[in-house]
Amino acid sequence: MALRLAASPLAMSRSSPSIRLAAALRSSSSLNGRVYFHASRNAAAASGQTSADVTDVYKAPVYKSQVPNQVHGSYHWDFERLLSVSMIPLFAASAMNGAHPITDGLLGVVVPIHAHIGWDAMVTDYLHPGKVGVFGNKAISWTLRGATVLVLVGCYQFNTTDIGLTELVKKAWEA
């Protein structure tokens, strides 16, 4: 609820100095010629205002609600779980058999996409548009996408022209 101030000069002369100041600033701060303050009906009654002077200022925005869908998000969740579970046999095969182009290629795709999904969830949860702004959120999201593409290209280049991911981990482990 809000308290509506009178616009007439006579009402301004009878009111307190703070109300007169607020009414004077009204022309630059409101479009419809009213100045609003948060107040309850009890505060309005105590100040001598009638119930006709009390108006609802805040009206909740109307959103079109979507029809609930039982499988909404389930494919995304299934893909994340499949990706996470697929890393277990890939790491095991790489550890037991050593370097192989197929396992190195699959690891070069699965691990960066798994990392991308995790970072994207962090961006969605903690760097949302309400915290960093719409432009900031878009910039962070596109930076993450670009970094993921660069990592995928780097993994491809490393697996095809260098020793491969499994040999890299093996050499780093023995060092």
C-alpha atoms as a PDB file:
ATOM      1  CA  MET A   1       0.000   0.000   0.000  1.00  0.00           C
ATOM      2  CA  ALA A   2       1.176   3.504  -0.531  1.00  0.00           C
ATOM      3  CA  LEU A   3       0.268   6.930   0.661  1.00  0.00           C
ATOM      4  CA  ARG A   4      -0.713   9.430  -2.023  1.00  0.00           C
ATOM      5  CA  LEU A   5       0.134  13.050  -1.384  1.00  0.00           C
ATOM      6  CA  ALA A   6      -2.217  15.795  -2.373  1.00  0.00           C
ATOM      7  CA  ALA A   7      -1.176  17.963  -5.287  1.00  0.00           C
ATOM      8  CA  SER A   8      -2.866  21.242  -4.343  1.00  0.00           C
ATOM      9  CA  PRO A   9      -0.841  24.156  -2.917  1.00  0.00           C
ATOM     10  CA  LEU A  10      -3.355  24.473  -0.057  1.00  0.00           C
ATOM     11  CA  ALA A  11      -2.727  20.881   1.002  1.00  0.00           C
ATOM     12  CA  MET A  12       1.015  21.466   0.708  1.00  0.00           C
ATOM     13  CA  SER A  13       0.859  24.493   3.014  1.00  0.00           C
ATOM     14  CA  ARG A  14      -0.887  22.452   5.740  1.00  0.00           C
ATOM     15  CA  SER A  15       1.475  19.480   5.570  1.00  0.00           C
ATOM     16  CA  SER A  16       4.830  18.931   7.225  1.00  0.00           C
ATOM     17  CA  PRO A  17       8.048  20.245   5.644  1.00  0.00           C
ATOM     18  CA  SER A  18       9.164  16.785   4.560  1.00  0.00           C
ATOM     19  CA  ILE A  19       5.890  16.206   2.717  1.00  0.00           C
ATOM     20  CA  ARG A  20       6.164  19.649   1.077  1.00  0.00           C
ATOM     21  CA  LEU A  21       9.710  18.816  -0.039  1.00  0.00           C
ATOM     22  CA  ALA A  22       8.596  15.488  -1.461  1.00  0.00           C
ATOM     23  CA  ALA A  23       5.699  17.167  -3.232  1.00  0.00           C
ATOM     24  CA  ALA A  24       8.058  19.770  -4.685  1.00  0.00           C
ATOM     25  CA  LEU A  25      10.316  17.038  -6.027  1.00  0.00           C
ATOM     26  CA  ARG A  26       7.340  15.219  -7.490  1.00  0.00           C
ATOM     27  CA  SER A  27       7.493  16.943 -10.837  1.00  0.00           C
ATOM     28  CA  SER A  28      10.926  15.538 -11.572  1.00  0.00           C
ATOM     29  CA  SER A  29      10.391  12.125 -10.034  1.00  0.00           C
ATOM     30  CA  SER A  30       7.004  10.931 -11.208  1.00  0.00           C
ATOM     31  CA  LEU A  31       5.139  10.826 -14.464  1.00  0.00           C
ATOM     32  CA  ASN A  32       1.576  11.022 -13.217  1.00  0.00           C
ATOM     33  CA  GLY A  33       1.985  13.891 -10.707  1.00  0.00           C
ATOM     34  CA  ARG A  34       1.891  11.686  -7.609  1.00  0.00           C
ATOM     35  CA  VAL A  35       4.567  10.968  -5.058  1.00  0.00           C
ATOM     36  CA  TYR A  36       4.391   7.588  -3.408  1.00  0.00           C
ATOM     37  CA  PHE A  37       5.763   6.415  -0.101  1.00  0.00           C
ATOM     38  CA  HIS A  38       5.497   2.970   1.413  1.00  0.00           C
ATOM     39  CA  ALA A  39       2.956   3.115   4.183  1.00  0.00           C
ATOM     40  CA  SER A  40       0.289   0.916   5.637  1.00  0.00           C
ATOM     41  CA  ARG A  41      -3.358   1.760   6.058  1.00  0.00           C
ATOM     42  CA  ASN A  42      -2.691   2.356   9.758  1.00  0.00           C
ATOM     43  CA  ALA A  43       0.006   4.925   8.949  1.00  0.00           C
ATOM     44  CA  ALA A  44      -2.335   6.592   6.474  1.00  0.00           C
ATOM     45  CA  ALA A  45      -5.111   6.760   9.074  1.00  0.00           C
ATOM     46  CA  ALA A  46      -2.717   8.167  11.690  1.00  0.00           C
ATOM     47  CA  SER A  47      -1.609  10.923   9.330  1.00  0.00           C
ATOM     48  CA  GLY A  48      -5.175  11.985   8.650  1.00  0.00           C
ATOM     49  CA  GLN A  49      -5.432  10.540   5.176  1.00  0.00           C
ATOM     50  CA  THR A  50      -8.682   8.929   4.157  1.00  0.00           C
ATOM     51  CA  SER A  51      -8.957   5.483   2.649  1.00  0.00           C
ATOM     52  CA  ALA A  52      -9.623   7.128  -0.726  1.00  0.00           C
ATOM     53  CA  ASP A  53      -6.111   8.600  -0.625  1.00  0.00           C
ATOM     54  CA  VAL A  54      -4.495   5.219  -0.131  1.00  0.00           C
ATOM     55  CA  THR A  55      -3.719   3.563  -3.459  1.00  0.00           C
ATOM     56  CA  ASP A  56      -2.131   0.352  -4.562  1.00  0.00           C
ATOM     57  CA  VAL A  57       1.100   1.374  -6.230  1.00  0.00           C
ATOM     58  CA  TYR A  58       2.755  -1.975  -6.760  1.00  0.00           C
ATOM     59  CA  LYS A  59       0.983  -4.404  -8.979  1.00  0.00           C
ATOM     60  CA  ALA A  60       2.760  -7.670  -9.587  1.00  0.00           C
ATOM     61  CA  PRO A  61       3.815  -8.122 -13.212  1.00  0.00           C
ATOM     62  CA  VAL A  62       1.693 -10.532 -15.167  1.00  0.00           C
ATOM     63  CA  TYR A  63       3.659 -13.427 -16.589  1.00  0.00           C
ATOM     64  CA  LYS A  64       2.326 -15.971 -18.995  1.00  0.00           C
ATOM     65  CA  SER A  65       2.920 -19.275 -17.287  1.00  0.00           C
ATOM     66  CA  GLN A  66       4.001 -22.163 -19.428  1.00  0.00           C
ATOM     67  CA  VAL A  67       2.118 -25.387 -19.560  1.00  0.00           C
ATOM     68  CA  PRO A  68       3.904 -27.848 -17.256  1.00  0.00           C
ATOM     69  CA  ASN A  69       5.805 -30.503 -19.128  1.00  0.00           C
ATOM     70  CA  GLN A  70       6.797 -33.676 -17.337  1.00  0.00           C
ATOM     71  CA  VAL A  71       9.930 -34.266 -19.409  1.00  0.00           C
ATOM     72  CA  HIS A  72      11.159 -30.653 -19.392  1.00  0.00           C
ATOM     73  CA  GLY A  73      14.840 -30.803 -18.427  1.00  0.00           C
ATOM     74  CA  SER A  74      14.941 -34.578 -18.250  1.00  0.00           C
ATOM     75  CA  TYR A  75      16.834 -34.963 -21.523  1.00  0.00           C
ATOM     76  CA  HIS A  76      19.404 -32.431 -20.338  1.00  0.00           C
ATOM     77  CA  TRP A  77      19.752 -34.242 -17.014  1.00  0.00           C
ATOM     78  CA  ASP A  78      20.032 -37.624 -18.755  1.00  0.00           C
ATOM     79  CA  PHE A  79      22.750 -36.277 -21.060  1.00  0.00           C
ATOM     80  CA  GLU A  80      24.734 -34.934 -18.080  1.00  0.00           C
ATOM     81  CA  ARG A  81      24.502 -38.274 -16.259  1.00  0.00           C
ATOM     82  CA  LEU A  82      25.435 -40.227 -19.393  1.00  0.00           C
ATOM     83  CA  LEU A  83      28.441 -37.969 -19.909  1.00  0.00           C
ATOM     84  CA  SER A  84      29.558 -38.350 -16.285  1.00  0.00           C
ATOM     85  CA  VAL A  85      29.104 -42.112 -16.234  1.00  0.00           C
ATOM     86  CA  SER A  86      30.873 -42.540 -19.590  1.00  0.00           C
ATOM     87  CA  MET A  87      34.050 -41.038 -18.156  1.00  0.00           C
ATOM     88  CA  ILE A  88      34.509 -43.983 -15.760  1.00  0.00           C
ATOM     89  CA  PRO A  89      35.129 -46.654 -18.445  1.00  0.00           C
ATOM     90  CA  LEU A  90      37.083 -44.149 -20.559  1.00  0.00           C
ATOM     91  CA  PHE A  91      39.516 -43.427 -17.726  1.00  0.00           C
ATOM     92  CA  ALA A  92      39.697 -47.136 -16.867  1.00  0.00           C
ATOM     93  CA  ALA A  93      40.410 -48.112 -20.482  1.00  0.00           C
ATOM     94  CA  SER A  94      43.080 -45.437 -20.772  1.00  0.00           C
ATOM     95  CA  ALA A  95      44.703 -46.564 -17.531  1.00  0.00           C
ATOM     96  CA  MET A  96      44.692 -50.271 -18.456  1.00  0.00           C
ATOM     97  CA  ASN A  97      45.458 -50.171 -22.196  1.00  0.00           C
ATOM     98  CA  GLY A  98      47.577 -47.040 -22.394  1.00  0.00           C
ATOM     99  CA  ALA A  99      47.327 -44.519 -25.190  1.00  0.00           C
ATOM    100  CA  HIS A 100      44.905 -45.259 -27.980  1.00  0.00           C
ATOM    101  CA  PRO A 101      43.534 -42.793 -30.538  1.00  0.00           C
ATOM    102  CA  ILE A 102      39.906 -43.716 -29.871  1.00  0.00           C
ATOM    103  CA  THR A 103      40.029 -43.340 -26.089  1.00  0.00           C
ATOM    104  CA  ASP A 104      42.131 -40.181 -26.379  1.00  0.00           C
ATOM    105  CA  GLY A 105      39.662 -38.733 -28.883  1.00  0.00           C
ATOM    106  CA  LEU A 106      36.665 -39.583 -26.690  1.00  0.00           C
ATOM    107  CA  LEU A 107      38.383 -38.151 -23.608  1.00  0.00           C
ATOM    108  CA  GLY A 108      39.229 -35.020 -25.609  1.00  0.00           C
ATOM    109  CA  VAL A 109      35.492 -34.507 -26.222  1.00  0.00           C
ATOM    110  CA  VAL A 110      33.852 -35.843 -23.063  1.00  0.00           C
ATOM    111  CA  VAL A 111      36.034 -34.101 -20.458  1.00  0.00           C
ATOM    112  CA  PRO A 112      35.751 -30.555 -21.925  1.00  0.00           C
ATOM    113  CA  ILE A 113      31.975 -30.897 -22.411  1.00  0.00           C
ATOM    114  CA  HIS A 114      31.616 -32.219 -18.854  1.00  0.00           C
ATOM    115  CA  ALA A 115      33.624 -29.230 -17.586  1.00  0.00           C
ATOM    116  CA  HIS A 116      31.549 -26.859 -19.726  1.00  0.00           C
ATOM    117  CA  ILE A 117      28.292 -28.165 -18.238  1.00  0.00           C
ATOM    118  CA  GLY A 118      29.670 -27.706 -14.713  1.00  0.00           C
ATOM    119  CA  TRP A 119      30.887 -24.157 -15.364  1.00  0.00           C
ATOM    120  CA  ASP A 120      27.629 -23.296 -17.120  1.00  0.00           C
ATOM    121  CA  ALA A 121      25.693 -24.432 -14.056  1.00  0.00           C
ATOM    122  CA  MET A 122      27.895 -22.187 -11.919  1.00  0.00           C
ATOM    123  CA  VAL A 123      27.271 -19.227 -14.220  1.00  0.00           C
ATOM    124  CA  THR A 124      23.521 -19.909 -14.176  1.00  0.00           C
ATOM    125  CA  ASP A 125      23.376 -20.197 -10.389  1.00  0.00           C
ATOM    126  CA  TYR A 126      25.827 -17.534  -9.212  1.00  0.00           C
ATOM    127  CA  LEU A 127      26.391 -15.089 -12.079  1.00  0.00           C
ATOM    128  CA  HIS A 128      22.790 -14.635 -13.165  1.00  0.00           C
ATOM    129  CA  PRO A 129      21.529 -11.424 -14.829  1.00  0.00           C
ATOM    130  CA  GLY A 130      20.170 -10.130 -11.506  1.00  0.00           C
ATOM    131  CA  LYS A 131      23.682 -10.121 -10.059  1.00  0.00           C
ATOM    132  CA  VAL A 132      25.956  -9.157 -12.955  1.00  0.00           C
ATOM    133  CA  GLY A 133      23.429  -7.616 -15.350  1.00  0.00           C
ATOM    134  CA  VAL A 134      22.127  -8.960 -18.612  1.00  0.00           C
ATOM    135  CA  PHE A 135      25.179  -7.846 -20.602  1.00  0.00           C
ATOM    136  CA  GLY A 136      27.565  -9.289 -18.001  1.00  0.00           C
ATOM    137  CA  ASN A 137      25.742 -12.606 -17.981  1.00  0.00           C
ATOM    138  CA  LYS A 138      25.766 -12.798 -21.780  1.00  0.00           C
ATOM    139  CA  ALA A 139      29.463 -11.871 -21.879  1.00  0.00           C
ATOM    140  CA  ILE A 140      30.347 -14.542 -19.312  1.00  0.00           C
ATOM    141  CA  SER A 141      28.241 -17.174 -21.093  1.00  0.00           C
ATOM    142  CA  TRP A 142      29.768 -16.453 -24.488  1.00  0.00           C
ATOM    143  CA  THR A 143      33.267 -16.361 -23.000  1.00  0.00           C
ATOM    144  CA  LEU A 144      32.636 -19.802 -21.531  1.00  0.00           C
ATOM    145  CA  ARG A 145      31.365 -21.097 -24.876  1.00  0.00           C
ATOM    146  CA  GLY A 146      34.389 -19.681 -26.689  1.00  0.00           C
ATOM    147  CA  ALA A 147      36.772 -21.179 -24.134  1.00  0.00           C
ATOM    148  CA  THR A 148      35.063 -24.561 -24.493  1.00  0.00           C
ATOM    149  CA  VAL A 149      35.452 -24.469 -28.279  1.00  0.00           C
ATOM    150  CA  LEU A 150      39.122 -23.513 -27.904  1.00  0.00           C
ATOM    151  CA  VAL A 151      39.701 -26.395 -25.457  1.00  0.00           C
ATOM    152  CA  LEU A 152      37.979 -28.839 -27.829  1.00  0.00           C
ATOM    153  CA  VAL A 153      40.150 -27.639 -30.718  1.00  0.00           C
ATOM    154  CA  GLY A 154      43.243 -27.823 -28.488  1.00  0.00           C
ATOM    155  CA  CYS A 155      42.423 -31.383 -27.428  1.00  0.00           C
ATOM    156  CA  TYR A 156      41.943 -32.362 -31.066  1.00  0.00           C
ATOM    157  CA  GLN A 157      45.256 -30.785 -32.062  1.00  0.00           C
ATOM    158  CA  PHE A 158      47.060 -32.350 -29.099  1.00  0.00           C
ATOM    159  CA  ASN A 159      45.646 -35.803 -29.832  1.00  0.00           C
ATOM    160  CA  THR A 160      46.377 -35.701 -33.577  1.00  0.00           C
ATOM    161  CA  THR A 161      49.744 -33.930 -33.755  1.00  0.00           C
ATOM    162  CA  ASP A 162      51.327 -34.637 -30.361  1.00  0.00           C
ATOM    163  CA  ILE A 163      51.516 -37.519 -27.863  1.00  0.00           C
ATOM    164  CA  GLY A 164      47.838 -37.539 -26.827  1.00  0.00           C
ATOM    165  CA  LEU A 165      46.057 -37.003 -23.540  1.00  0.00           C
ATOM    166  CA  THR A 166      46.747 -40.437 -22.040  1.00  0.00           C
ATOM    167  CA  GLU A 167      50.503 -40.199 -22.644  1.00  0.00           C
ATOM    168  CA  LEU A 168      50.494 -36.652 -21.244  1.00  0.00           C
ATOM    169  CA  VAL A 169      48.869 -37.836 -18.021  1.00  0.00           C
ATOM    170  CA  LYS A 170      51.238 -40.830 -17.861  1.00  0.00           C
ATOM    171  CA  LYS A 171      54.327 -38.619 -18.259  1.00  0.00           C
ATOM    172  CA  ALA A 172      52.997 -36.103 -15.721  1.00  0.00           C
ATOM    173  CA  TRP A 173      52.280 -38.931 -13.269  1.00  0.00           C
ATOM    174  CA  GLU A 174      55.803 -40.352 -13.586  1.00  0.00           C
ATOM    175  CA  ALA A 175      57.547 -36.969 -13.393  1.00  0.00           C
END
